[in-house]
Amino acid sequence: MGSSFDFLAPILTPAALRSVQADGRPVITLFLVIFGLSIFGTLIWYVHFVTSKMYPKKKDPNAKPKILGFISR
């Protein structure tokens, strides 16, 4: 398993690379945490996206038109 972390060689110092090659659990844990947080963030965004469709905003017929659609006068 010594050469399985060679893809990290360009970003690690030689001492850090030897440390990772000796015990790779912290690096694996880091990648799993980043992956898990990415999945969690995607799930949160998806729930927000789906639930915001359920309650569409009603257009006010008396509202003044805005410049470029979003800048009020």
PDB file of N, CA and C in Angstrom:
ATOM      1  N   MET A   1       0.827  -1.187   0.000  1.00  0.00           N
ATOM      2  CA  MET A   1       0.000   0.000   0.000  1.00  0.00           C
ATOM      3  C   MET A   1       0.869   1.247   0.000  1.00  0.00           C
ATOM      4  N   GLY A   2       2.156   1.096  -0.111  1.00  0.00           N
ATOM      5  CA  GLY A   2       3.057   2.232  -0.050  1.00  0.00           C
ATOM      6  C   GLY A   2       2.907   3.182  -1.219  1.00  0.00           C
ATOM      7  N   SER A   3       2.597   2.660  -2.401  1.00  0.00           N
ATOM      8  CA  SER A   3       2.516   3.533  -3.571  1.00  0.00           C
ATOM      9  C   SER A   3       1.082   3.946  -3.904  1.00  0.00           C
ATOM     10  N   SER A   4       0.143   3.622  -3.053  1.00  0.00           N
ATOM     11  CA  SER A   4      -1.244   3.949  -3.375  1.00  0.00           C
ATOM     12  C   SER A   4      -1.565   5.429  -3.192  1.00  0.00           C
ATOM     13  N   PHE A   5      -0.718   6.160  -2.489  1.00  0.00           N
ATOM     14  CA  PHE A   5      -0.952   7.590  -2.292  1.00  0.00           C
ATOM     15  C   PHE A   5       0.043   8.441  -3.079  1.00  0.00           C
ATOM     16  N   ASP A   6       0.618   7.887  -4.146  1.00  0.00           N
ATOM     17  CA  ASP A   6       1.583   8.643  -4.944  1.00  0.00           C
ATOM     18  C   ASP A   6       0.941   9.812  -5.685  1.00  0.00           C
ATOM     19  N   PHE A   7      -0.370   9.787  -5.879  1.00  0.00           N
ATOM     20  CA  PHE A   7      -1.027  10.909  -6.550  1.00  0.00           C
ATOM     21  C   PHE A   7      -0.972  12.174  -5.703  1.00  0.00           C
ATOM     22  N   LEU A   8      -0.666  12.038  -4.403  1.00  0.00           N
ATOM     23  CA  LEU A   8      -0.541  13.202  -3.522  1.00  0.00           C
ATOM     24  C   LEU A   8       0.872  13.779  -3.516  1.00  0.00           C
ATOM     25  N   ALA A   9       1.806  13.130  -4.202  1.00  0.00           N
ATOM     26  CA  ALA A   9       3.205  13.566  -4.182  1.00  0.00           C
ATOM     27  C   ALA A   9       3.401  15.015  -4.632  1.00  0.00           C
ATOM     28  N   PRO A  10       2.690  15.519  -5.638  1.00  0.00           N
ATOM     29  CA  PRO A  10       2.916  16.916  -6.040  1.00  0.00           C
ATOM     30  C   PRO A  10       2.494  17.945  -4.993  1.00  0.00           C
ATOM     31  N   ILE A  11       1.603  17.588  -4.082  1.00  0.00           N
ATOM     32  CA  ILE A  11       1.123  18.586  -3.124  1.00  0.00           C
ATOM     33  C   ILE A  11       1.635  18.360  -1.710  1.00  0.00           C
ATOM     34  N   LEU A  12       2.343  17.256  -1.469  1.00  0.00           N
ATOM     35  CA  LEU A  12       2.856  16.968  -0.132  1.00  0.00           C
ATOM     36  C   LEU A  12       4.374  17.039  -0.109  1.00  0.00           C
ATOM     37  N   THR A  13       4.907  17.388   1.038  1.00  0.00           N
ATOM     38  CA  THR A  13       6.358  17.331   1.217  1.00  0.00           C
ATOM     39  C   THR A  13       6.756  15.864   1.331  1.00  0.00           C
ATOM     40  N   PRO A  14       8.037  15.544   1.117  1.00  0.00           N
ATOM     41  CA  PRO A  14       8.461  14.144   1.240  1.00  0.00           C
ATOM     42  C   PRO A  14       8.162  13.541   2.617  1.00  0.00           C
ATOM     43  N   ALA A  15       8.336  14.324   3.677  1.00  0.00           N
ATOM     44  CA  ALA A  15       8.052  13.812   5.021  1.00  0.00           C
ATOM     45  C   ALA A  15       6.556  13.534   5.190  1.00  0.00           C
ATOM     46  N   ALA A  16       5.716  14.420   4.678  1.00  0.00           N
ATOM     47  CA  ALA A  16       4.268  14.217   4.776  1.00  0.00           C
ATOM     48  C   ALA A  16       3.831  13.016   3.945  1.00  0.00           C
ATOM     49  N   LEU A  17       4.445  12.830   2.787  1.00  0.00           N
ATOM     50  CA  LEU A  17       4.106  11.688   1.942  1.00  0.00           C
ATOM     51  C   LEU A  17       4.490  10.377   2.622  1.00  0.00           C
ATOM     52  N   ARG A  18       5.655  10.344   3.274  1.00  0.00           N
ATOM     53  CA  ARG A  18       6.055   9.140   4.016  1.00  0.00           C
ATOM     54  C   ARG A  18       5.077   8.857   5.150  1.00  0.00           C
ATOM     55  N   SER A  19       4.622   9.905   5.806  1.00  0.00           N
ATOM     56  CA  SER A  19       3.663   9.743   6.900  1.00  0.00           C
ATOM     57  C   SER A  19       2.338   9.182   6.392  1.00  0.00           C
ATOM     58  N   VAL A  20       1.881   9.687   5.260  1.00  0.00           N
ATOM     59  CA  VAL A  20       0.621   9.209   4.683  1.00  0.00           C
ATOM     60  C   VAL A  20       0.778   7.773   4.199  1.00  0.00           C
ATOM     61  N   GLN A  21       1.932   7.449   3.631  1.00  0.00           N
ATOM     62  CA  GLN A  21       2.151   6.084   3.167  1.00  0.00           C
ATOM     63  C   GLN A  21       2.244   5.108   4.336  1.00  0.00           C
ATOM     64  N   ALA A  22       2.725   5.563   5.485  1.00  0.00           N
ATOM     65  CA  ALA A  22       2.814   4.695   6.658  1.00  0.00           C
ATOM     66  C   ALA A  22       1.426   4.413   7.234  1.00  0.00           C
ATOM     67  N   ASP A  23       0.576   5.414   7.296  1.00  0.00           N
ATOM     68  CA  ASP A  23      -0.781   5.238   7.834  1.00  0.00           C
ATOM     69  C   ASP A  23      -1.719   6.158   7.055  1.00  0.00           C
ATOM     70  N   GLY A  24      -2.477   5.596   6.136  1.00  0.00           N
ATOM     71  CA  GLY A  24      -3.326   6.396   5.258  1.00  0.00           C
ATOM     72  C   GLY A  24      -4.723   6.643   5.769  1.00  0.00           C
ATOM     73  N   ARG A  25      -5.027   6.184   6.978  1.00  0.00           N
ATOM     74  CA  ARG A  25      -6.396   6.348   7.489  1.00  0.00           C
ATOM     75  C   ARG A  25      -6.844   7.805   7.597  1.00  0.00           C
ATOM     76  N   PRO A  26      -5.991   8.742   8.035  1.00  0.00           N
ATOM     77  CA  PRO A  26      -6.466  10.137   8.085  1.00  0.00           C
ATOM     78  C   PRO A  26      -6.839  10.708   6.712  1.00  0.00           C
ATOM     79  N   VAL A  27      -6.080  10.342   5.688  1.00  0.00           N
ATOM     80  CA  VAL A  27      -6.383  10.845   4.340  1.00  0.00           C
ATOM     81  C   VAL A  27      -7.683  10.226   3.830  1.00  0.00           C
ATOM     82  N   ILE A  28      -7.851   8.937   4.063  1.00  0.00           N
ATOM     83  CA  ILE A  28      -9.084   8.272   3.645  1.00  0.00           C
ATOM     84  C   ILE A  28     -10.277   8.871   4.386  1.00  0.00           C
ATOM     85  N   THR A  29     -10.113   9.120   5.681  1.00  0.00           N
ATOM     86  CA  THR A  29     -11.181   9.735   6.467  1.00  0.00           C
ATOM     87  C   THR A  29     -11.513  11.125   5.933  1.00  0.00           C
ATOM     88  N   LEU A  30     -10.491  11.898   5.587  1.00  0.00           N
ATOM     89  CA  LEU A  30     -10.703  13.238   5.030  1.00  0.00           C
ATOM     90  C   LEU A  30     -11.514  13.171   3.742  1.00  0.00           C
ATOM     91  N   PHE A  31     -11.146  12.273   2.836  1.00  0.00           N
ATOM     92  CA  PHE A  31     -11.877  12.148   1.578  1.00  0.00           C
ATOM     93  C   PHE A  31     -13.316  11.689   1.809  1.00  0.00           C
ATOM     94  N   LEU A  32     -13.522  10.774   2.749  1.00  0.00           N
ATOM     95  CA  LEU A  32     -14.880  10.312   3.040  1.00  0.00           C
ATOM     96  C   LEU A  32     -15.733  11.416   3.655  1.00  0.00           C
ATOM     97  N   VAL A  33     -15.140  12.239   4.511  1.00  0.00           N
ATOM     98  CA  VAL A  33     -15.883  13.352   5.113  1.00  0.00           C
ATOM     99  C   VAL A  33     -16.249  14.383   4.048  1.00  0.00           C
ATOM    100  N   ILE A  34     -15.312  14.712   3.175  1.00  0.00           N
ATOM    101  CA  ILE A  34     -15.600  15.665   2.094  1.00  0.00           C
ATOM    102  C   ILE A  34     -16.700  15.115   1.183  1.00  0.00           C
ATOM    103  N   PHE A  35     -16.619  13.838   0.849  1.00  0.00           N
ATOM    104  CA  PHE A  35     -17.640  13.214   0.008  1.00  0.00           C
ATOM    105  C   PHE A  35     -18.999  13.224   0.708  1.00  0.00           C
ATOM    106  N   GLY A  36     -19.020  12.881   1.982  1.00  0.00           N
ATOM    107  CA  GLY A  36     -20.267  12.861   2.740  1.00  0.00           C
ATOM    108  C   GLY A  36     -20.899  14.234   2.850  1.00  0.00           C
ATOM    109  N   LEU A  37     -20.080  15.255   3.106  1.00  0.00           N
ATOM    110  CA  LEU A  37     -20.609  16.620   3.190  1.00  0.00           C
ATOM    111  C   LEU A  37     -21.136  17.096   1.836  1.00  0.00           C
ATOM    112  N   SER A  38     -20.488  16.671   0.763  1.00  0.00           N
ATOM    113  CA  SER A  38     -20.975  17.027  -0.574  1.00  0.00           C
ATOM    114  C   SER A  38     -22.339  16.397  -0.844  1.00  0.00           C
ATOM    115  N   ILE A  39     -22.487  15.142  -0.485  1.00  0.00           N
ATOM    116  CA  ILE A  39     -23.775  14.462  -0.656  1.00  0.00           C
ATOM    117  C   ILE A  39     -24.843  15.131   0.207  1.00  0.00           C
ATOM    118  N   PHE A  40     -24.488  15.462   1.446  1.00  0.00           N
ATOM    119  CA  PHE A  40     -25.427  16.112   2.360  1.00  0.00           C
ATOM    120  C   PHE A  40     -25.860  17.479   1.815  1.00  0.00           C
ATOM    121  N   GLY A  41     -24.907  18.263   1.304  1.00  0.00           N
ATOM    122  CA  GLY A  41     -25.223  19.568   0.724  1.00  0.00           C
ATOM    123  C   GLY A  41     -26.121  19.443  -0.494  1.00  0.00           C
ATOM    124  N   THR A  42     -25.862  18.433  -1.319  1.00  0.00           N
ATOM    125  CA  THR A  42     -26.703  18.201  -2.489  1.00  0.00           C
ATOM    126  C   THR A  42     -28.120  17.823  -2.070  1.00  0.00           C
ATOM    127  N   LEU A  43     -28.242  17.005  -1.039  1.00  0.00           N
ATOM    128  CA  LEU A  43     -29.558  16.624  -0.533  1.00  0.00           C
ATOM    129  C   LEU A  43     -30.311  17.835   0.015  1.00  0.00           C
ATOM    130  N   ILE A  44     -29.624  18.695   0.750  1.00  0.00           N
ATOM    131  CA  ILE A  44     -30.253  19.909   1.283  1.00  0.00           C
ATOM    132  C   ILE A  44     -30.729  20.807   0.144  1.00  0.00           C
ATOM    133  N   TRP A  45     -29.877  20.989  -0.870  1.00  0.00           N
ATOM    134  CA  TRP A  45     -30.265  21.818  -2.011  1.00  0.00           C
ATOM    135  C   TRP A  45     -31.482  21.218  -2.720  1.00  0.00           C
ATOM    136  N   TYR A  46     -31.499  19.900  -2.893  1.00  0.00           N
ATOM    137  CA  TYR A  46     -32.604  19.249  -3.587  1.00  0.00           C
ATOM    138  C   TYR A  46     -33.917  19.431  -2.827  1.00  0.00           C
ATOM    139  N   VAL A  47     -33.886  19.257  -1.517  1.00  0.00           N
ATOM    140  CA  VAL A  47     -35.096  19.447  -0.712  1.00  0.00           C
ATOM    141  C   VAL A  47     -35.574  20.890  -0.828  1.00  0.00           C
ATOM    142  N   HIS A  48     -34.653  21.845  -0.780  1.00  0.00           N
ATOM    143  CA  HIS A  48     -35.023  23.254  -0.934  1.00  0.00           C
ATOM    144  C   HIS A  48     -35.636  23.499  -2.311  1.00  0.00           C
ATOM    145  N   PHE A  49     -35.023  22.938  -3.339  1.00  0.00           N
ATOM    146  CA  PHE A  49     -35.492  23.135  -4.706  1.00  0.00           C
ATOM    147  C   PHE A  49     -36.896  22.567  -4.891  1.00  0.00           C
ATOM    148  N   VAL A  50     -37.134  21.377  -4.387  1.00  0.00           N
ATOM    149  CA  VAL A  50     -38.442  20.728  -4.558  1.00  0.00           C
ATOM    150  C   VAL A  50     -39.508  21.434  -3.736  1.00  0.00           C
ATOM    151  N   THR A  51     -39.197  21.808  -2.505  1.00  0.00           N
ATOM    152  CA  THR A  51     -40.219  22.435  -1.665  1.00  0.00           C
ATOM    153  C   THR A  51     -40.503  23.870  -2.074  1.00  0.00           C
ATOM    154  N   SER A  52     -39.574  24.550  -2.708  1.00  0.00           N
ATOM    155  CA  SER A  52     -39.858  25.919  -3.141  1.00  0.00           C
ATOM    156  C   SER A  52     -40.793  25.935  -4.348  1.00  0.00           C
ATOM    157  N   LYS A  53     -40.872  24.847  -5.083  1.00  0.00           N
ATOM    158  CA  LYS A  53     -41.810  24.762  -6.201  1.00  0.00           C
ATOM    159  C   LYS A  53     -43.245  24.625  -5.708  1.00  0.00           C
ATOM    160  N   MET A  54     -43.426  24.087  -4.518  1.00  0.00           N
ATOM    161  CA  MET A  54     -44.769  23.842  -4.007  1.00  0.00           C
ATOM    162  C   MET A  54     -45.501  25.133  -3.672  1.00  0.00           C
ATOM    163  N   TYR A  55     -44.782  26.172  -3.361  1.00  0.00           N
ATOM    164  CA  TYR A  55     -45.384  27.437  -2.954  1.00  0.00           C
ATOM    165  C   TYR A  55     -44.913  28.556  -3.881  1.00  0.00           C
ATOM    166  N   PRO A  56     -45.458  28.630  -5.087  1.00  0.00           N
ATOM    167  CA  PRO A  56     -45.013  29.681  -6.006  1.00  0.00           C
ATOM    168  C   PRO A  56     -45.437  31.057  -5.502  1.00  0.00           C
ATOM    169  N   LYS A  57     -44.638  32.048  -5.820  1.00  0.00           N
ATOM    170  CA  LYS A  57     -44.929  33.417  -5.401  1.00  0.00           C
ATOM    171  C   LYS A  57     -46.025  33.991  -6.299  1.00  0.00           C
ATOM    172  N   LYS A  58     -46.997  34.637  -5.676  1.00  0.00           N
ATOM    173  CA  LYS A  58     -48.080  35.255  -6.433  1.00  0.00           C
ATOM    174  C   LYS A  58     -47.629  36.623  -6.927  1.00  0.00           C
ATOM    175  N   LYS A  59     -48.001  36.924  -8.166  1.00  0.00           N
ATOM    176  CA  LYS A  59     -47.648  38.220  -8.733  1.00  0.00           C
ATOM    177  C   LYS A  59     -48.677  39.254  -8.316  1.00  0.00           C
ATOM    178  N   ASP A  60     -48.184  40.395  -7.877  1.00  0.00           N
ATOM    179  CA  ASP A  60     -49.057  41.489  -7.456  1.00  0.00           C
ATOM    180  C   ASP A  60     -49.480  42.271  -8.702  1.00  0.00           C
ATOM    181  N   PRO A  61     -50.775  42.351  -9.000  1.00  0.00           N
ATOM    182  CA  PRO A  61     -51.208  43.067 -10.209  1.00  0.00           C
ATOM    183  C   PRO A  61     -50.995  44.579 -10.100  1.00  0.00           C
ATOM    184  N   ASN A  62     -50.855  45.115  -8.890  1.00  0.00           N
ATOM    185  CA  ASN A  62     -50.663  46.551  -8.705  1.00  0.00           C
ATOM    186  C   ASN A  62     -49.193  46.945  -8.576  1.00  0.00           C
ATOM    187  N   ALA A  63     -48.301  46.023  -8.744  1.00  0.00           N
ATOM    188  CA  ALA A  63     -46.878  46.316  -8.563  1.00  0.00           C
ATOM    189  C   ALA A  63     -46.354  47.146  -9.732  1.00  0.00           C
ATOM    190  N   LYS A  64     -45.437  48.055  -9.411  1.00  0.00           N
ATOM    191  CA  LYS A  64     -44.811  48.869 -10.446  1.00  0.00           C
ATOM    192  C   LYS A  64     -43.800  48.017 -11.210  1.00  0.00           C
ATOM    193  N   PRO A  65     -43.661  48.277 -12.500  1.00  0.00           N
ATOM    194  CA  PRO A  65     -42.636  47.539 -13.246  1.00  0.00           C
ATOM    195  C   PRO A  65     -41.238  47.977 -12.787  1.00  0.00           C
ATOM    196  N   LYS A  66     -40.322  47.059 -12.806  1.00  0.00           N
ATOM    197  CA  LYS A  66     -38.967  47.348 -12.338  1.00  0.00           C
ATOM    198  C   LYS A  66     -38.013  47.428 -13.517  1.00  0.00           C
ATOM    199  N   ILE A  67     -36.937  48.163 -13.297  1.00  0.00           N
ATOM    200  CA  ILE A  67     -35.905  48.287 -14.318  1.00  0.00           C
ATOM    201  C   ILE A  67     -35.147  46.964 -14.376  1.00  0.00           C
ATOM    202  N   LEU A  68     -35.008  46.410 -15.557  1.00  0.00           N
ATOM    203  CA  LEU A  68     -34.335  45.132 -15.783  1.00  0.00           C
ATOM    204  C   LEU A  68     -34.983  43.983 -15.017  1.00  0.00           C
ATOM    205  N   GLY A  69     -36.173  44.165 -14.526  1.00  0.00           N
ATOM    206  CA  GLY A  69     -36.894  43.102 -13.865  1.00  0.00           C
ATOM    207  C   GLY A  69     -36.635  42.945 -12.386  1.00  0.00           C
ATOM    208  N   PHE A  70     -35.592  43.589 -11.848  1.00  0.00           N
ATOM    209  CA  PHE A  70     -35.309  43.402 -10.426  1.00  0.00           C
ATOM    210  C   PHE A  70     -34.895  44.671  -9.691  1.00  0.00           C
ATOM    211  N   ILE A  71     -34.651  45.768 -10.375  1.00  0.00           N
ATOM    212  CA  ILE A  71     -34.249  47.024  -9.736  1.00  0.00           C
ATOM    213  C   ILE A  71     -35.481  47.910  -9.594  1.00  0.00           C
ATOM    214  N   SER A  72     -35.821  48.270  -8.360  1.00  0.00           N
ATOM    215  CA  SER A  72     -37.008  49.113  -8.168  1.00  0.00           C
ATOM    216  C   SER A  72     -36.664  50.572  -8.437  1.00  0.00           C
ATOM    217  N   ARG A  73     -37.681  51.329  -8.807  1.00  0.00           N
ATOM    218  CA  ARG A  73     -37.449  52.739  -9.139  1.00  0.00           C
ATOM    219  C   ARG A  73     -37.620  53.619  -7.956  1.00  0.00           C
TER     220      ARG A  73
END
